[in-house]
Amino acid sequence: MNKLFIILKGELGASGVLYAETGGAGDFSGLLFLLLIILVFYFFFIRPQMKKQKQLRQFREQIKKGDKVVTIGGIHGKIVEEQEQSFTLEVEDGTRFRVQKTAIAMEGASEQLGERR
């Protein structure tokens, strides 16, 4: 069909290369579409992740001696000692071990903290 209407209204040059017609509005709409995609990524992916990290950091700063927590490995314990960058946890049978503050999970521990307070 006449080379598919010269590839949907594009122009073939002398060497057979397709040259598409672009106008000023096409360039602006492409830029607008790119900005729209960036905004969608920011509001649906980046911003919620930053908010969650901030909440997790605040949660870990509020934990104190006597709180029951869950590590990211799934170990349940009670904080018996607090250092600058770590906690000493005591598990059910009296065993104590140290974990980094970053190893405390917000899930699971928040329900336990809510019950205590």
N, C-alpha and C. Protein backbone atom coordinates (compact mmCIF):
# COMPACT_ATOMS: atom_id res chain seq x y z
N MET A 1 0.84 -1.18 0.00
CA MET A 1 0.00 0.00 0.00
C MET A 1 0.88 1.23 0.00
N ASN A 2 1.59 1.37 -1.08
CA ASN A 2 2.49 2.49 -1.30
C ASN A 2 3.43 2.67 -0.11
N LYS A 3 4.09 1.55 0.23
CA LYS A 3 5.04 1.45 1.36
C LYS A 3 4.42 2.01 2.63
N LEU A 4 3.22 1.47 2.90
CA LEU A 4 2.44 1.80 4.09
C LEU A 4 2.36 3.32 4.27
N PHE A 5 1.88 3.91 3.22
CA PHE A 5 1.66 5.35 3.12
C PHE A 5 2.91 6.10 3.54
N ILE A 6 4.00 5.65 2.90
CA ILE A 6 5.35 6.16 3.12
C ILE A 6 5.62 6.24 4.63
N ILE A 7 5.48 5.05 5.21
CA ILE A 7 5.71 4.81 6.64
C ILE A 7 5.04 5.92 7.46
N LEU A 8 3.72 5.87 7.32
CA LEU A 8 2.84 6.75 8.10
C LEU A 8 3.24 8.23 8.00
N LYS A 9 3.30 8.69 6.76
CA LYS A 9 3.48 10.09 6.41
C LYS A 9 4.88 10.60 6.67
N GLY A 10 5.86 9.73 6.83
CA GLY A 10 7.24 10.17 6.88
C GLY A 10 7.74 10.35 5.46
N GLU A 11 8.92 10.87 5.28
CA GLU A 11 9.47 11.08 3.95
C GLU A 11 10.70 10.22 3.78
N LEU A 12 10.83 9.62 2.60
CA LEU A 12 12.02 8.87 2.27
C LEU A 12 12.98 9.80 1.55
N GLY A 13 14.21 9.83 2.01
CA GLY A 13 15.22 10.66 1.36
C GLY A 13 15.75 9.96 0.11
N ALA A 14 16.72 10.58 -0.55
CA ALA A 14 17.27 10.04 -1.78
C ALA A 14 17.96 8.70 -1.54
N SER A 15 18.52 8.49 -0.36
CA SER A 15 19.21 7.24 -0.06
C SER A 15 18.26 6.18 0.47
N GLY A 16 16.98 6.47 0.56
CA GLY A 16 16.02 5.50 1.04
C GLY A 16 15.82 5.54 2.54
N VAL A 17 16.43 6.50 3.23
CA VAL A 17 16.30 6.62 4.67
C VAL A 17 15.03 7.39 4.98
N LEU A 18 14.33 6.97 6.00
CA LEU A 18 13.06 7.59 6.38
C LEU A 18 13.33 8.82 7.23
N TYR A 19 12.76 9.94 6.82
CA TYR A 19 12.84 11.17 7.59
C TYR A 19 11.45 11.52 8.06
N ALA A 20 11.22 11.49 9.35
CA ALA A 20 9.90 11.79 9.89
C ALA A 20 9.74 13.29 10.02
N GLU A 21 8.53 13.74 9.82
CA GLU A 21 8.25 15.15 9.98
C GLU A 21 8.01 15.44 11.45
N THR A 22 8.74 16.37 11.97
CA THR A 22 8.53 16.78 13.36
C THR A 22 8.31 18.27 13.38
N GLY A 23 7.44 18.68 14.25
CA GLY A 23 7.16 20.09 14.40
C GLY A 23 7.60 20.55 15.76
N GLY A 24 7.42 21.82 16.06
CA GLY A 24 7.79 22.37 17.36
C GLY A 24 6.94 21.78 18.46
N ALA A 25 5.69 21.50 18.19
CA ALA A 25 4.80 20.95 19.21
C ALA A 25 5.20 19.53 19.59
N GLY A 26 5.74 18.77 18.66
CA GLY A 26 6.17 17.41 18.95
C GLY A 26 7.32 17.37 19.93
N ASP A 27 8.23 18.32 19.82
CA ASP A 27 9.36 18.38 20.74
C ASP A 27 8.89 18.74 22.14
N PHE A 28 7.96 19.66 22.25
CA PHE A 28 7.44 20.07 23.55
C PHE A 28 6.64 18.96 24.21
N SER A 29 5.86 18.24 23.44
CA SER A 29 5.06 17.17 24.02
C SER A 29 5.95 16.02 24.51
N GLY A 30 7.05 15.77 23.82
CA GLY A 30 8.00 14.76 24.28
C GLY A 30 8.64 15.14 25.60
N LEU A 31 9.00 16.40 25.73
CA LEU A 31 9.58 16.89 26.98
C LEU A 31 8.55 16.86 28.10
N LEU A 32 7.33 17.23 27.78
CA LEU A 32 6.25 17.18 28.76
C LEU A 32 5.99 15.76 29.24
N PHE A 33 6.01 14.81 28.30
CA PHE A 33 5.82 13.40 28.65
C PHE A 33 6.95 12.90 29.55
N LEU A 34 8.18 13.30 29.27
CA LEU A 34 9.33 12.90 30.09
C LEU A 34 9.20 13.47 31.51
N LEU A 35 8.80 14.73 31.62
CA LEU A 35 8.61 15.34 32.94
C LEU A 35 7.49 14.66 33.71
N LEU A 36 6.43 14.27 33.00
CA LEU A 36 5.33 13.56 33.63
C LEU A 36 5.79 12.22 34.19
N ILE A 37 6.61 11.50 33.44
CA ILE A 37 7.14 10.21 33.91
C ILE A 37 8.02 10.41 35.15
N ILE A 38 8.83 11.44 35.15
CA ILE A 38 9.70 11.73 36.30
C ILE A 38 8.85 12.04 37.54
N LEU A 39 7.79 12.83 37.36
CA LEU A 39 6.91 13.15 38.48
C LEU A 39 6.22 11.90 39.03
N VAL A 40 5.77 11.04 38.15
CA VAL A 40 5.10 9.81 38.58
C VAL A 40 6.08 8.94 39.39
N PHE A 41 7.32 8.80 38.89
CA PHE A 41 8.31 8.02 39.63
C PHE A 41 8.60 8.63 40.99
N TYR A 42 8.67 9.96 41.05
CA TYR A 42 8.96 10.61 42.32
C TYR A 42 7.84 10.38 43.32
N PHE A 43 6.60 10.63 42.91
CA PHE A 43 5.49 10.55 43.85
C PHE A 43 5.05 9.13 44.18
N PHE A 44 5.31 8.17 43.32
CA PHE A 44 4.86 6.81 43.60
C PHE A 44 5.97 5.87 44.05
N PHE A 45 7.24 6.22 43.83
CA PHE A 45 8.32 5.32 44.20
C PHE A 45 9.32 5.98 45.16
N ILE A 46 9.86 7.12 44.80
CA ILE A 46 10.94 7.72 45.58
C ILE A 46 10.43 8.33 46.88
N ARG A 47 9.40 9.15 46.82
CA ARG A 47 8.88 9.83 48.01
C ARG A 47 8.37 8.86 49.07
N PRO A 48 7.56 7.85 48.73
CA PRO A 48 7.13 6.90 49.77
C PRO A 48 8.29 6.13 50.39
N GLN A 49 9.31 5.80 49.60
CA GLN A 49 10.47 5.09 50.14
C GLN A 49 11.23 5.97 51.13
N MET A 50 11.39 7.25 50.79
CA MET A 50 12.08 8.17 51.70
C MET A 50 11.28 8.34 53.00
N LYS A 51 9.96 8.39 52.90
CA LYS A 51 9.11 8.53 54.07
C LYS A 51 9.22 7.30 54.97
N LYS A 52 9.24 6.12 54.35
CA LYS A 52 9.36 4.87 55.12
C LYS A 52 10.72 4.79 55.82
N GLN A 53 11.79 5.21 55.15
CA GLN A 53 13.12 5.20 55.77
C GLN A 53 13.18 6.16 56.95
N LYS A 54 12.53 7.31 56.82
CA LYS A 54 12.50 8.28 57.91
C LYS A 54 11.76 7.71 59.12
N GLN A 55 10.62 7.06 58.88
CA GLN A 55 9.86 6.44 59.97
C GLN A 55 10.66 5.34 60.66
N LEU A 56 11.36 4.54 59.87
CA LEU A 56 12.18 3.46 60.43
C LEU A 56 13.31 4.02 61.29
N ARG A 57 13.95 5.09 60.80
CA ARG A 57 15.03 5.72 61.56
C ARG A 57 14.50 6.28 62.88
N GLN A 58 13.33 6.94 62.86
CA GLN A 58 12.74 7.47 64.08
C GLN A 58 12.35 6.34 65.04
N PHE A 59 11.81 5.26 64.49
CA PHE A 59 11.43 4.11 65.31
C PHE A 59 12.65 3.54 66.03
N ARG A 60 13.75 3.39 65.31
CA ARG A 60 14.96 2.81 65.92
C ARG A 60 15.55 3.74 66.96
N GLU A 61 15.37 5.06 66.81
CA GLU A 61 15.89 6.01 67.80
C GLU A 61 15.04 5.99 69.08
N GLN A 62 13.77 5.62 68.98
CA GLN A 62 12.87 5.62 70.13
C GLN A 62 12.96 4.35 70.97
N ILE A 63 13.56 3.31 70.44
CA ILE A 63 13.66 2.05 71.18
C ILE A 63 14.57 2.24 72.38
N LYS A 64 14.15 1.68 73.51
CA LYS A 64 14.96 1.82 74.73
C LYS A 64 14.98 0.50 75.50
N LYS A 65 15.71 0.51 76.58
CA LYS A 65 15.86 -0.68 77.41
C LYS A 65 14.49 -1.15 77.90
N GLY A 66 14.25 -2.47 77.82
CA GLY A 66 13.00 -3.05 78.26
C GLY A 66 12.00 -3.29 77.15
N ASP A 67 12.22 -2.70 75.97
CA ASP A 67 11.31 -2.91 74.84
C ASP A 67 11.50 -4.29 74.24
N LYS A 68 10.41 -4.88 73.79
CA LYS A 68 10.47 -6.15 73.08
C LYS A 68 10.55 -5.84 71.59
N VAL A 69 11.51 -6.46 70.91
CA VAL A 69 11.73 -6.17 69.50
C VAL A 69 11.89 -7.46 68.70
N VAL A 70 11.85 -7.32 67.39
CA VAL A 70 12.10 -8.41 66.46
C VAL A 70 13.21 -7.97 65.53
N THR A 71 14.21 -8.82 65.33
CA THR A 71 15.29 -8.48 64.41
C THR A 71 14.84 -8.78 62.98
N ILE A 72 15.62 -8.30 62.02
CA ILE A 72 15.27 -8.57 60.62
C ILE A 72 15.45 -10.05 60.29
N GLY A 73 16.14 -10.77 61.15
CA GLY A 73 16.29 -12.21 60.99
C GLY A 73 15.15 -12.99 61.63
N GLY A 74 14.25 -12.29 62.32
CA GLY A 74 13.09 -12.95 62.91
C GLY A 74 13.26 -13.36 64.36
N ILE A 75 14.31 -12.91 65.01
CA ILE A 75 14.56 -13.28 66.40
C ILE A 75 13.82 -12.31 67.31
N HIS A 76 13.00 -12.84 68.22
CA HIS A 76 12.26 -12.02 69.18
C HIS A 76 13.07 -11.93 70.46
N GLY A 77 13.17 -10.73 71.00
CA GLY A 77 13.92 -10.58 72.24
C GLY A 77 13.57 -9.30 72.95
N LYS A 78 14.15 -9.14 74.12
CA LYS A 78 13.93 -7.96 74.95
C LYS A 78 15.26 -7.24 75.09
N ILE A 79 15.25 -5.93 74.95
CA ILE A 79 16.48 -5.15 75.05
C ILE A 79 16.86 -5.03 76.53
N VAL A 80 18.07 -5.49 76.86
CA VAL A 80 18.53 -5.42 78.24
C VAL A 80 19.66 -4.41 78.41
N GLU A 81 20.29 -4.02 77.30
CA GLU A 81 21.36 -3.04 77.36
C GLU A 81 21.43 -2.31 76.04
N GLU A 82 21.71 -1.01 76.10
CA GLU A 82 21.78 -0.21 74.88
C GLU A 82 23.16 0.43 74.77
N GLN A 83 23.81 0.20 73.64
CA GLN A 83 25.06 0.87 73.34
C GLN A 83 24.78 1.92 72.26
N GLU A 84 25.83 2.60 71.80
CA GLU A 84 25.63 3.67 70.83
C GLU A 84 25.11 3.14 69.49
N GLN A 85 25.69 2.07 68.98
CA GLN A 85 25.31 1.53 67.68
C GLN A 85 24.68 0.14 67.75
N SER A 86 24.50 -0.40 68.95
CA SER A 86 23.97 -1.76 69.06
C SER A 86 23.13 -1.92 70.32
N PHE A 87 22.44 -3.05 70.37
CA PHE A 87 21.64 -3.44 71.53
C PHE A 87 22.09 -4.81 71.99
N THR A 88 21.90 -5.08 73.28
CA THR A 88 22.06 -6.44 73.79
C THR A 88 20.64 -6.97 74.02
N LEU A 89 20.33 -8.07 73.32
CA LEU A 89 19.01 -8.67 73.42
C LEU A 89 19.07 -9.90 74.30
N GLU A 90 17.98 -10.12 75.01
CA GLU A 90 17.84 -11.35 75.79
C GLU A 90 16.65 -12.11 75.21
N VAL A 91 16.89 -13.35 74.81
CA VAL A 91 15.82 -14.17 74.25
C VAL A 91 15.21 -15.01 75.36
N GLU A 92 14.23 -15.81 75.03
CA GLU A 92 13.40 -16.51 76.00
C GLU A 92 14.18 -17.35 77.01
N ASP A 93 15.20 -18.05 76.59
CA ASP A 93 15.91 -18.93 77.52
C ASP A 93 17.02 -18.24 78.29
N GLY A 94 17.07 -16.91 78.23
CA GLY A 94 18.07 -16.16 78.99
C GLY A 94 19.35 -15.88 78.23
N THR A 95 19.44 -16.37 77.02
CA THR A 95 20.63 -16.12 76.20
C THR A 95 20.66 -14.66 75.77
N ARG A 96 21.85 -14.07 75.85
CA ARG A 96 22.02 -12.67 75.45
C ARG A 96 22.98 -12.60 74.27
N PHE A 97 22.68 -11.68 73.37
CA PHE A 97 23.58 -11.43 72.25
C PHE A 97 23.40 -10.00 71.76
N ARG A 98 24.44 -9.48 71.09
CA ARG A 98 24.40 -8.11 70.60
C ARG A 98 24.00 -8.07 69.13
N VAL A 99 23.17 -7.10 68.81
CA VAL A 99 22.77 -6.87 67.43
C VAL A 99 22.91 -5.37 67.12
N GLN A 100 23.16 -5.06 65.88
CA GLN A 100 23.22 -3.66 65.45
C GLN A 100 21.83 -3.04 65.53
N LYS A 101 21.77 -1.75 65.74
CA LYS A 101 20.47 -1.06 65.77
C LYS A 101 19.77 -1.18 64.42
N THR A 102 20.54 -1.24 63.35
CA THR A 102 19.95 -1.35 62.02
C THR A 102 19.35 -2.72 61.76
N ALA A 103 19.59 -3.69 62.65
CA ALA A 103 19.05 -5.03 62.48
C ALA A 103 17.68 -5.20 63.13
N ILE A 104 17.15 -4.13 63.71
CA ILE A 104 15.82 -4.18 64.33
C ILE A 104 14.80 -3.86 63.25
N ALA A 105 13.80 -4.74 63.12
CA ALA A 105 12.75 -4.55 62.12
C ALA A 105 11.61 -3.75 62.72
N MET A 106 10.99 -2.93 61.88
CA MET A 106 9.85 -2.15 62.35
C MET A 106 8.60 -3.02 62.38
N GLU A 107 8.48 -3.95 61.46
CA GLU A 107 7.33 -4.85 61.44
C GLU A 107 7.46 -5.85 62.58
N GLY A 108 6.38 -6.13 63.23
CA GLY A 108 6.40 -7.08 64.33
C GLY A 108 6.73 -6.40 65.65
N ALA A 109 7.74 -5.57 65.67
CA ALA A 109 8.12 -4.89 66.90
C ALA A 109 7.15 -3.77 67.22
N SER A 110 6.61 -3.12 66.23
CA SER A 110 5.71 -1.99 66.49
C SER A 110 4.44 -2.43 67.19
N GLU A 111 3.94 -3.63 66.85
CA GLU A 111 2.75 -4.13 67.54
C GLU A 111 3.06 -4.41 69.01
N GLN A 112 4.24 -4.96 69.27
CA GLN A 112 4.62 -5.26 70.64
C GLN A 112 4.81 -3.98 71.44
N LEU A 113 5.41 -2.96 70.82
CA LEU A 113 5.61 -1.71 71.51
C LEU A 113 4.28 -1.02 71.78
N GLY A 114 3.34 -1.15 70.83
CA GLY A 114 2.02 -0.56 71.00
C GLY A 114 1.27 -1.17 72.16
N GLU A 115 1.45 -2.47 72.41
CA GLU A 115 0.78 -3.15 73.50
C GLU A 115 1.34 -2.67 74.84
N ARG A 116 2.64 -2.41 74.90
CA ARG A 116 3.31 -2.06 76.14
C ARG A 116 3.00 -0.63 76.55
N ARG A 117 2.84 0.26 75.60
CA ARG A 117 2.69 1.68 75.91
C ARG A 117 1.30 2.06 76.20
